[in-house]
Amino acid sequence: MRRRTTATALTAAALAGTVLLSGCGGSASGAQSDGKAELAVTNAYMPQPVSDSMAAGFLTIVNKGDADDKLTSVTSDAAGSVTAHQTVGGTMREAGALTVPAHGQLVFKSGGNHLMFDMLKHKPRQGQTVPVELHFAKSGDLRVEIPVKSATYNPETGH
């Protein structure tokens, strides 16, 4: 009986370790299932900023899960503050929590939702990456490395 209990405990520990490790590493995925959000990030980039103190960031948060989640805040070691902004009717304004719909996506793109990096600690250069933590109401935190592209980068053409 003791042998079965030990084997069960080891199996449970191995599964828990696998779940924990799948949330780490280079993947930008906070996958969950069973009526929960299943989040991943695609198309992330930051045009090389022309300013020493400010930059913009763009990405898409995909939710393959069965429940909505909300992006509540964004942080980065590269900037004093990072805020989500919306452009509505040609006017940019800071956004509150933004919904990532179930089986949908939240898009941050030029002329629409975007991330504003203020008080840059150093000016990001093309070829570098900028670490970002996306904070969600239900799914917790998701770490993303945003690649810095040329100042004129166009995601439609990849140049």
N, C-alpha and C. Protein backbone atom coordinates (compact mmCIF):
# COMPACT_ATOMS: atom_id res chain seq x y z
N MET A 1 0.82 -1.19 0.00
CA MET A 1 0.00 0.00 0.00
C MET A 1 0.86 1.25 0.00
N ARG A 2 1.95 1.25 0.76
CA ARG A 2 2.85 2.40 0.83
C ARG A 2 3.47 2.67 -0.54
N ARG A 3 3.77 1.62 -1.28
CA ARG A 3 4.37 1.77 -2.60
C ARG A 3 3.41 2.49 -3.56
N ARG A 4 2.14 2.17 -3.52
CA ARG A 4 1.15 2.81 -4.39
C ARG A 4 1.00 4.28 -4.01
N THR A 5 0.98 4.60 -2.71
CA THR A 5 0.86 5.99 -2.25
C THR A 5 2.06 6.81 -2.72
N THR A 6 3.26 6.25 -2.63
CA THR A 6 4.46 6.95 -3.08
C THR A 6 4.41 7.17 -4.58
N ALA A 7 4.01 6.15 -5.33
CA ALA A 7 3.92 6.29 -6.79
C ALA A 7 2.89 7.35 -7.16
N THR A 8 1.75 7.37 -6.47
CA THR A 8 0.72 8.37 -6.75
C THR A 8 1.23 9.76 -6.43
N ALA A 9 1.93 9.92 -5.32
CA ALA A 9 2.48 11.23 -4.94
C ALA A 9 3.52 11.69 -5.95
N LEU A 10 4.37 10.78 -6.42
CA LEU A 10 5.38 11.14 -7.41
C LEU A 10 4.74 11.54 -8.73
N THR A 11 3.70 10.82 -9.14
CA THR A 11 3.00 11.16 -10.38
C THR A 11 2.36 12.53 -10.26
N ALA A 12 1.72 12.81 -9.13
CA ALA A 12 1.10 14.11 -8.90
C ALA A 12 2.14 15.22 -8.92
N ALA A 13 3.28 14.99 -8.30
CA ALA A 13 4.36 15.98 -8.28
C ALA A 13 4.89 16.23 -9.69
N ALA A 14 5.05 15.17 -10.47
CA ALA A 14 5.54 15.32 -11.84
C ALA A 14 4.56 16.12 -12.69
N LEU A 15 3.27 15.84 -12.54
CA LEU A 15 2.26 16.59 -13.29
C LEU A 15 2.24 18.05 -12.87
N ALA A 16 2.33 18.31 -11.58
CA ALA A 16 2.36 19.70 -11.09
C ALA A 16 3.58 20.42 -11.64
N GLY A 17 4.72 19.76 -11.67
CA GLY A 17 5.94 20.36 -12.22
C GLY A 17 5.79 20.67 -13.69
N THR A 18 5.15 19.77 -14.44
CA THR A 18 4.93 19.99 -15.86
C THR A 18 4.04 21.20 -16.08
N VAL A 19 2.98 21.33 -15.28
CA VAL A 19 2.08 22.48 -15.39
C VAL A 19 2.83 23.76 -15.08
N LEU A 20 3.62 23.77 -14.03
CA LEU A 20 4.38 24.97 -13.67
C LEU A 20 5.38 25.33 -14.75
N LEU A 21 6.10 24.36 -15.27
CA LEU A 21 7.10 24.63 -16.29
C LEU A 21 6.48 25.10 -17.59
N SER A 22 5.27 24.62 -17.90
CA SER A 22 4.65 25.05 -19.15
C SER A 22 4.30 26.53 -19.11
N GLY A 23 4.15 27.12 -17.92
CA GLY A 23 3.90 28.54 -17.80
C GLY A 23 5.17 29.36 -17.85
N CYS A 24 6.34 28.74 -17.77
CA CYS A 24 7.61 29.45 -17.78
C CYS A 24 8.22 29.36 -19.16
N GLY A 25 9.46 29.79 -19.29
CA GLY A 25 10.18 29.66 -20.53
C GLY A 25 9.83 30.73 -21.52
N GLY A 26 10.21 30.52 -22.76
CA GLY A 26 10.06 31.52 -23.80
C GLY A 26 8.66 31.64 -24.35
N SER A 27 7.78 30.76 -24.02
CA SER A 27 6.43 30.80 -24.55
C SER A 27 5.65 31.93 -23.92
N ALA A 28 4.84 32.59 -24.71
CA ALA A 28 3.98 33.64 -24.19
C ALA A 28 2.57 33.08 -24.12
N SER A 29 2.40 32.06 -23.30
CA SER A 29 1.12 31.39 -23.20
C SER A 29 0.79 31.11 -21.76
N GLY A 30 -0.41 31.44 -21.34
CA GLY A 30 -0.90 31.14 -20.00
C GLY A 30 -2.09 30.23 -20.15
N ALA A 31 -1.90 29.09 -20.77
CA ALA A 31 -3.00 28.21 -21.15
C ALA A 31 -3.72 27.64 -19.94
N GLN A 32 -5.04 27.69 -20.02
CA GLN A 32 -5.91 27.08 -19.03
C GLN A 32 -7.08 26.49 -19.79
N SER A 33 -7.85 25.62 -19.14
CA SER A 33 -8.98 25.03 -19.84
C SER A 33 -10.14 24.86 -18.87
N ASP A 34 -11.16 24.10 -19.29
CA ASP A 34 -12.33 23.82 -18.47
C ASP A 34 -13.09 25.09 -18.10
N GLY A 35 -13.58 25.82 -19.10
CA GLY A 35 -14.39 27.00 -18.84
C GLY A 35 -13.58 28.21 -18.42
N LYS A 36 -12.30 28.21 -18.70
CA LYS A 36 -11.44 29.33 -18.33
C LYS A 36 -10.83 29.93 -19.58
N ALA A 37 -10.19 31.08 -19.39
CA ALA A 37 -9.46 31.70 -20.50
C ALA A 37 -8.24 30.86 -20.83
N GLU A 38 -7.86 30.86 -22.09
CA GLU A 38 -6.65 30.18 -22.56
C GLU A 38 -5.91 31.19 -23.43
N LEU A 39 -4.96 31.90 -22.82
CA LEU A 39 -4.36 33.08 -23.44
C LEU A 39 -2.99 32.81 -24.04
N ALA A 40 -2.73 33.46 -25.17
CA ALA A 40 -1.43 33.44 -25.82
C ALA A 40 -1.24 34.78 -26.52
N VAL A 41 0.02 35.15 -26.76
CA VAL A 41 0.32 36.41 -27.42
C VAL A 41 0.97 36.13 -28.77
N THR A 42 0.52 36.86 -29.79
CA THR A 42 1.08 36.76 -31.13
C THR A 42 1.37 38.17 -31.65
N ASN A 43 2.14 38.24 -32.72
CA ASN A 43 2.38 39.48 -33.46
C ASN A 43 2.90 40.64 -32.59
N ALA A 44 3.69 40.34 -31.59
CA ALA A 44 4.21 41.39 -30.71
C ALA A 44 5.40 42.10 -31.36
N TYR A 45 5.41 43.43 -31.27
CA TYR A 45 6.57 44.20 -31.73
C TYR A 45 6.52 45.61 -31.15
N MET A 46 7.68 46.21 -31.10
CA MET A 46 7.83 47.61 -30.72
C MET A 46 8.65 48.28 -31.82
N PRO A 47 8.10 49.31 -32.48
CA PRO A 47 8.95 50.05 -33.41
C PRO A 47 10.06 50.74 -32.61
N GLN A 48 11.27 50.74 -33.16
CA GLN A 48 12.36 51.42 -32.45
C GLN A 48 11.92 52.86 -32.20
N PRO A 49 11.91 53.27 -30.92
CA PRO A 49 11.40 54.60 -30.62
C PRO A 49 12.34 55.70 -31.11
N VAL A 50 11.74 56.82 -31.48
CA VAL A 50 12.54 57.98 -31.86
C VAL A 50 12.84 58.84 -30.63
N SER A 51 12.05 58.66 -29.60
CA SER A 51 12.22 59.40 -28.35
C SER A 51 13.06 58.59 -27.36
N ASP A 52 13.79 59.27 -26.51
CA ASP A 52 14.54 58.60 -25.45
C ASP A 52 13.67 58.22 -24.26
N SER A 53 12.45 58.77 -24.20
CA SER A 53 11.64 58.56 -23.00
C SER A 53 10.33 57.81 -23.24
N MET A 54 9.89 57.69 -24.49
CA MET A 54 8.60 57.05 -24.77
C MET A 54 8.70 56.07 -25.93
N ALA A 55 7.83 55.05 -25.89
CA ALA A 55 7.74 54.08 -26.98
C ALA A 55 6.34 53.51 -27.02
N ALA A 56 6.00 52.91 -28.14
CA ALA A 56 4.71 52.23 -28.29
C ALA A 56 4.97 50.75 -28.51
N GLY A 57 4.00 49.94 -28.12
CA GLY A 57 4.09 48.51 -28.32
C GLY A 57 2.79 47.97 -28.85
N PHE A 58 2.91 46.92 -29.66
CA PHE A 58 1.74 46.33 -30.30
C PHE A 58 1.80 44.81 -30.17
N LEU A 59 0.64 44.18 -30.04
CA LEU A 59 0.55 42.73 -29.93
C LEU A 59 -0.90 42.32 -30.04
N THR A 60 -1.11 41.02 -30.15
CA THR A 60 -2.45 40.46 -30.14
C THR A 60 -2.52 39.41 -29.04
N ILE A 61 -3.53 39.52 -28.19
CA ILE A 61 -3.77 38.52 -27.15
C ILE A 61 -4.91 37.64 -27.64
N VAL A 62 -4.62 36.37 -27.83
CA VAL A 62 -5.59 35.40 -28.34
C VAL A 62 -6.12 34.59 -27.17
N ASN A 63 -7.43 34.40 -27.13
CA ASN A 63 -8.07 33.61 -26.09
C ASN A 63 -8.80 32.44 -26.74
N LYS A 64 -8.25 31.25 -26.62
CA LYS A 64 -8.88 30.05 -27.18
C LYS A 64 -9.79 29.36 -26.16
N GLY A 65 -9.90 29.96 -24.98
CA GLY A 65 -10.69 29.37 -23.91
C GLY A 65 -12.17 29.71 -24.00
N ASP A 66 -12.91 29.16 -23.04
CA ASP A 66 -14.36 29.31 -23.00
C ASP A 66 -14.85 30.46 -22.15
N ALA A 67 -13.94 31.28 -21.60
CA ALA A 67 -14.35 32.38 -20.73
C ALA A 67 -13.57 33.65 -21.09
N ASP A 68 -14.24 34.78 -20.94
CA ASP A 68 -13.58 36.07 -21.10
C ASP A 68 -12.56 36.26 -19.99
N ASP A 69 -11.60 37.12 -20.23
CA ASP A 69 -10.69 37.59 -19.18
C ASP A 69 -10.46 39.06 -19.43
N LYS A 70 -9.87 39.74 -18.48
CA LYS A 70 -9.59 41.17 -18.62
C LYS A 70 -8.12 41.44 -18.40
N LEU A 71 -7.53 42.19 -19.32
CA LEU A 71 -6.18 42.71 -19.14
C LEU A 71 -6.33 43.90 -18.20
N THR A 72 -5.77 43.77 -17.00
CA THR A 72 -5.95 44.81 -15.98
C THR A 72 -4.81 45.81 -15.93
N SER A 73 -3.58 45.37 -16.26
CA SER A 73 -2.44 46.27 -16.27
C SER A 73 -1.27 45.61 -16.99
N VAL A 74 -0.26 46.44 -17.26
CA VAL A 74 0.95 45.99 -17.94
C VAL A 74 2.13 46.61 -17.23
N THR A 75 3.19 45.83 -17.01
CA THR A 75 4.41 46.35 -16.40
C THR A 75 5.61 45.90 -17.22
N SER A 76 6.71 46.64 -17.06
CA SER A 76 7.96 46.28 -17.74
C SER A 76 9.12 46.88 -16.98
N ASP A 77 10.19 46.10 -16.84
CA ASP A 77 11.41 46.60 -16.23
C ASP A 77 12.08 47.65 -17.10
N ALA A 78 11.67 47.77 -18.36
CA ALA A 78 12.29 48.69 -19.30
C ALA A 78 11.75 50.12 -19.20
N ALA A 79 10.65 50.30 -18.46
CA ALA A 79 10.01 51.61 -18.39
C ALA A 79 9.49 51.89 -16.99
N GLY A 80 9.37 53.16 -16.69
CA GLY A 80 8.80 53.57 -15.40
C GLY A 80 7.33 53.22 -15.31
N SER A 81 6.62 53.29 -16.45
CA SER A 81 5.22 52.88 -16.48
C SER A 81 4.85 52.42 -17.88
N VAL A 82 3.89 51.51 -17.92
CA VAL A 82 3.33 51.04 -19.19
C VAL A 82 1.82 51.10 -19.03
N THR A 83 1.16 51.74 -19.98
CA THR A 83 -0.29 51.84 -19.92
C THR A 83 -0.89 51.42 -21.26
N ALA A 84 -2.08 50.87 -21.17
CA ALA A 84 -2.82 50.54 -22.38
C ALA A 84 -3.61 51.77 -22.79
N HIS A 85 -3.58 52.07 -24.07
CA HIS A 85 -4.32 53.21 -24.60
C HIS A 85 -5.24 52.75 -25.72
N GLN A 86 -6.32 53.52 -25.90
CA GLN A 86 -7.24 53.32 -27.00
C GLN A 86 -7.24 54.58 -27.85
N THR A 87 -7.44 54.41 -29.14
CA THR A 87 -7.65 55.55 -30.02
C THR A 87 -9.09 55.47 -30.48
N VAL A 88 -9.88 56.47 -30.07
CA VAL A 88 -11.30 56.50 -30.40
C VAL A 88 -11.59 57.84 -31.07
N GLY A 89 -12.12 57.79 -32.27
CA GLY A 89 -12.43 59.02 -32.99
C GLY A 89 -11.22 59.91 -33.19
N GLY A 90 -10.05 59.31 -33.37
CA GLY A 90 -8.83 60.07 -33.59
C GLY A 90 -8.20 60.61 -32.33
N THR A 91 -8.78 60.31 -31.18
CA THR A 91 -8.24 60.78 -29.90
C THR A 91 -7.70 59.62 -29.09
N MET A 92 -6.46 59.77 -28.60
CA MET A 92 -5.85 58.73 -27.77
C MET A 92 -6.20 58.99 -26.31
N ARG A 93 -6.58 57.90 -25.61
CA ARG A 93 -6.86 58.02 -24.18
C ARG A 93 -6.45 56.74 -23.48
N GLU A 94 -6.09 56.88 -22.21
CA GLU A 94 -5.72 55.71 -21.43
C GLU A 94 -6.94 54.83 -21.23
N ALA A 95 -6.75 53.54 -21.38
CA ALA A 95 -7.85 52.58 -21.25
C ALA A 95 -7.82 51.98 -19.85
N GLY A 96 -8.96 51.59 -19.37
CA GLY A 96 -9.02 50.81 -18.14
C GLY A 96 -8.76 49.35 -18.49
N ALA A 97 -9.40 48.46 -17.78
CA ALA A 97 -9.27 47.04 -18.08
C ALA A 97 -9.90 46.77 -19.44
N LEU A 98 -9.23 45.95 -20.23
CA LEU A 98 -9.71 45.61 -21.57
C LEU A 98 -10.05 44.13 -21.63
N THR A 99 -11.18 43.81 -22.21
CA THR A 99 -11.65 42.42 -22.28
C THR A 99 -10.98 41.66 -23.40
N VAL A 100 -10.57 40.42 -23.06
CA VAL A 100 -10.10 39.46 -24.05
C VAL A 100 -11.23 38.43 -24.15
N PRO A 101 -12.06 38.51 -25.20
CA PRO A 101 -13.24 37.65 -25.25
C PRO A 101 -12.91 36.17 -25.44
N ALA A 102 -13.78 35.33 -24.90
CA ALA A 102 -13.66 33.90 -25.12
C ALA A 102 -13.68 33.62 -26.62
N HIS A 103 -12.80 32.75 -27.07
CA HIS A 103 -12.69 32.38 -28.48
C HIS A 103 -12.50 33.62 -29.38
N GLY A 104 -11.79 34.61 -28.83
CA GLY A 104 -11.57 35.85 -29.59
C GLY A 104 -10.19 36.40 -29.33
N GLN A 105 -10.03 37.69 -29.58
CA GLN A 105 -8.72 38.30 -29.40
C GLN A 105 -8.86 39.78 -29.05
N LEU A 106 -7.83 40.27 -28.42
CA LEU A 106 -7.68 41.70 -28.12
C LEU A 106 -6.47 42.16 -28.92
N VAL A 107 -6.69 43.08 -29.84
CA VAL A 107 -5.63 43.51 -30.76
C VAL A 107 -5.12 44.88 -30.36
N PHE A 108 -3.79 45.01 -30.29
CA PHE A 108 -3.11 46.28 -30.09
C PHE A 108 -2.38 46.56 -31.39
N LYS A 109 -2.80 47.62 -32.13
CA LYS A 109 -2.19 47.92 -33.42
C LYS A 109 -2.13 49.43 -33.61
N SER A 110 -1.30 49.85 -34.53
CA SER A 110 -1.16 51.26 -34.84
C SER A 110 -2.52 51.84 -35.22
N GLY A 111 -2.89 52.96 -34.61
CA GLY A 111 -4.17 53.60 -34.88
C GLY A 111 -5.31 53.07 -34.02
N GLY A 112 -5.03 52.09 -33.16
CA GLY A 112 -6.07 51.52 -32.30
C GLY A 112 -5.53 51.35 -30.89
N ASN A 113 -5.90 50.24 -30.25
CA ASN A 113 -5.34 49.94 -28.94
C ASN A 113 -3.83 49.82 -29.08
N HIS A 114 -3.10 50.31 -28.09
CA HIS A 114 -1.64 50.19 -28.10
C HIS A 114 -1.10 50.34 -26.70
N LEU A 115 0.12 49.91 -26.49
CA LEU A 115 0.79 50.06 -25.21
C LEU A 115 1.70 51.28 -25.28
N MET A 116 1.67 52.10 -24.24
CA MET A 116 2.56 53.26 -24.15
C MET A 116 3.57 53.00 -23.04
N PHE A 117 4.85 53.02 -23.41
CA PHE A 117 5.95 52.86 -22.47
C PHE A 117 6.47 54.26 -22.16
N ASP A 118 6.33 54.69 -20.91
CA ASP A 118 6.79 56.02 -20.50
C ASP A 118 7.98 55.89 -19.56
N MET A 119 8.82 56.91 -19.55
CA MET A 119 10.01 56.95 -18.69
C MET A 119 10.90 55.75 -18.96
N LEU A 120 11.25 55.57 -20.26
CA LEU A 120 12.14 54.47 -20.64
C LEU A 120 13.44 54.54 -19.85
N LYS A 121 13.89 53.39 -19.39
CA LYS A 121 15.15 53.33 -18.63
C LYS A 121 16.35 53.32 -19.57
N HIS A 122 16.15 52.89 -20.80
CA HIS A 122 17.13 53.00 -21.89
C HIS A 122 16.34 52.93 -23.19
N LYS A 123 16.89 53.48 -24.22
CA LYS A 123 16.19 53.51 -25.50
C LYS A 123 16.37 52.16 -26.20
N PRO A 124 15.27 51.40 -26.39
CA PRO A 124 15.38 50.10 -27.07
C PRO A 124 15.85 50.27 -28.51
N ARG A 125 16.69 49.35 -28.94
CA ARG A 125 17.26 49.38 -30.30
C ARG A 125 16.76 48.17 -31.09
N GLN A 126 16.66 48.36 -32.39
CA GLN A 126 16.24 47.29 -33.29
C GLN A 126 17.09 46.04 -33.03
N GLY A 127 16.42 44.89 -32.94
CA GLY A 127 17.10 43.62 -32.69
C GLY A 127 17.07 43.20 -31.23
N GLN A 128 16.78 44.14 -30.32
CA GLN A 128 16.66 43.82 -28.90
C GLN A 128 15.23 43.35 -28.62
N THR A 129 15.00 42.89 -27.40
CA THR A 129 13.65 42.58 -26.95
C THR A 129 13.37 43.36 -25.67
N VAL A 130 12.10 43.63 -25.42
CA VAL A 130 11.66 44.35 -24.24
C VAL A 130 10.76 43.41 -23.44
N PRO A 131 11.12 43.13 -22.17
CA PRO A 131 10.29 42.24 -21.35
C PRO A 131 9.04 42.97 -20.86
N VAL A 132 7.92 42.28 -20.93
CA VAL A 132 6.64 42.85 -20.50
C VAL A 132 5.88 41.80 -19.72
N GLU A 133 5.20 42.24 -18.67
CA GLU A 133 4.29 41.37 -17.91
C GLU A 133 2.88 41.88 -18.14
N LEU A 134 2.03 41.01 -18.68
CA LEU A 134 0.62 41.32 -18.85
C LEU A 134 -0.12 40.74 -17.65
N HIS A 135 -0.92 41.55 -17.00
CA HIS A 135 -1.63 41.12 -15.78
C HIS A 135 -3.12 40.99 -16.09
N PHE A 136 -3.66 39.81 -15.81
CA PHE A 136 -5.05 39.51 -16.12
C PHE A 136 -5.86 39.27 -14.85
N ALA A 137 -7.14 39.58 -14.91
CA ALA A 137 -8.02 39.44 -13.75
C ALA A 137 -8.14 37.99 -13.29
N LYS A 138 -8.24 37.05 -14.21
CA LYS A 138 -8.46 35.64 -13.86
C LYS A 138 -7.25 34.76 -14.10
N SER A 139 -6.52 35.01 -15.16
CA SER A 139 -5.45 34.10 -15.58
C SER A 139 -4.10 34.40 -14.95
N GLY A 140 -4.00 35.47 -14.19
CA GLY A 140 -2.72 35.81 -13.59
C GLY A 140 -1.84 36.56 -14.58
N ASP A 141 -0.53 36.38 -14.47
CA ASP A 141 0.43 37.14 -15.26
C ASP A 141 0.95 36.32 -16.44
N LEU A 142 1.26 37.03 -17.51
CA LEU A 142 1.82 36.42 -18.71
C LEU A 142 3.02 37.25 -19.13
N ARG A 143 4.19 36.63 -19.19
CA ARG A 143 5.43 37.32 -19.56
C ARG A 143 5.65 37.21 -21.07
N VAL A 144 6.00 38.33 -21.68
CA VAL A 144 6.21 38.40 -23.12
C VAL A 144 7.51 39.15 -23.39
N GLU A 145 8.28 38.68 -24.35
CA GLU A 145 9.46 39.40 -24.84
C GLU A 145 9.06 40.04 -26.16
N ILE A 146 8.97 41.36 -26.18
CA ILE A 146 8.55 42.07 -27.38
C ILE A 146 9.78 42.44 -28.20
N PRO A 147 9.88 41.95 -29.44
CA PRO A 147 11.03 42.31 -30.27
C PRO A 147 10.93 43.75 -30.75
N VAL A 148 12.08 44.43 -30.77
CA VAL A 148 12.14 45.79 -31.28
C VAL A 148 12.46 45.72 -32.77
N LYS A 149 11.60 46.33 -33.56
CA LYS A 149 11.74 46.35 -35.03
C LYS A 149 12.18 47.74 -35.46
N SER A 150 12.39 47.92 -36.76
CA SER A 150 12.76 49.24 -37.26
C SER A 150 11.63 50.23 -36.98
N ALA A 151 11.97 51.51 -36.95
CA ALA A 151 10.98 52.56 -36.66
C ALA A 151 9.88 52.58 -37.71
N THR A 152 10.17 52.10 -38.90
CA THR A 152 9.19 52.10 -40.00
C THR A 152 8.57 50.73 -40.25
N TYR A 153 8.74 49.80 -39.31
CA TYR A 153 8.25 48.43 -39.48
C TYR A 153 6.76 48.41 -39.78
N ASN A 154 6.37 47.59 -40.74
CA ASN A 154 4.97 47.40 -41.11
C ASN A 154 4.64 45.93 -40.92
N PRO A 155 3.76 45.59 -39.97
CA PRO A 155 3.44 44.18 -39.74
C PRO A 155 2.74 43.50 -40.90
N GLU A 156 2.12 44.29 -41.77
CA GLU A 156 1.45 43.73 -42.95
C GLU A 156 2.45 43.13 -43.93
N THR A 157 3.61 43.77 -44.05
CA THR A 157 4.62 43.30 -45.01
C THR A 157 5.76 42.56 -44.33
N GLY A 158 5.89 42.75 -43.00
CA GLY A 158 6.99 42.14 -42.27
C GLY A 158 8.31 42.89 -42.42
N HIS A 159 8.24 44.13 -42.92
CA HIS A 159 9.44 44.95 -43.11
C HIS A 159 9.28 46.30 -42.46
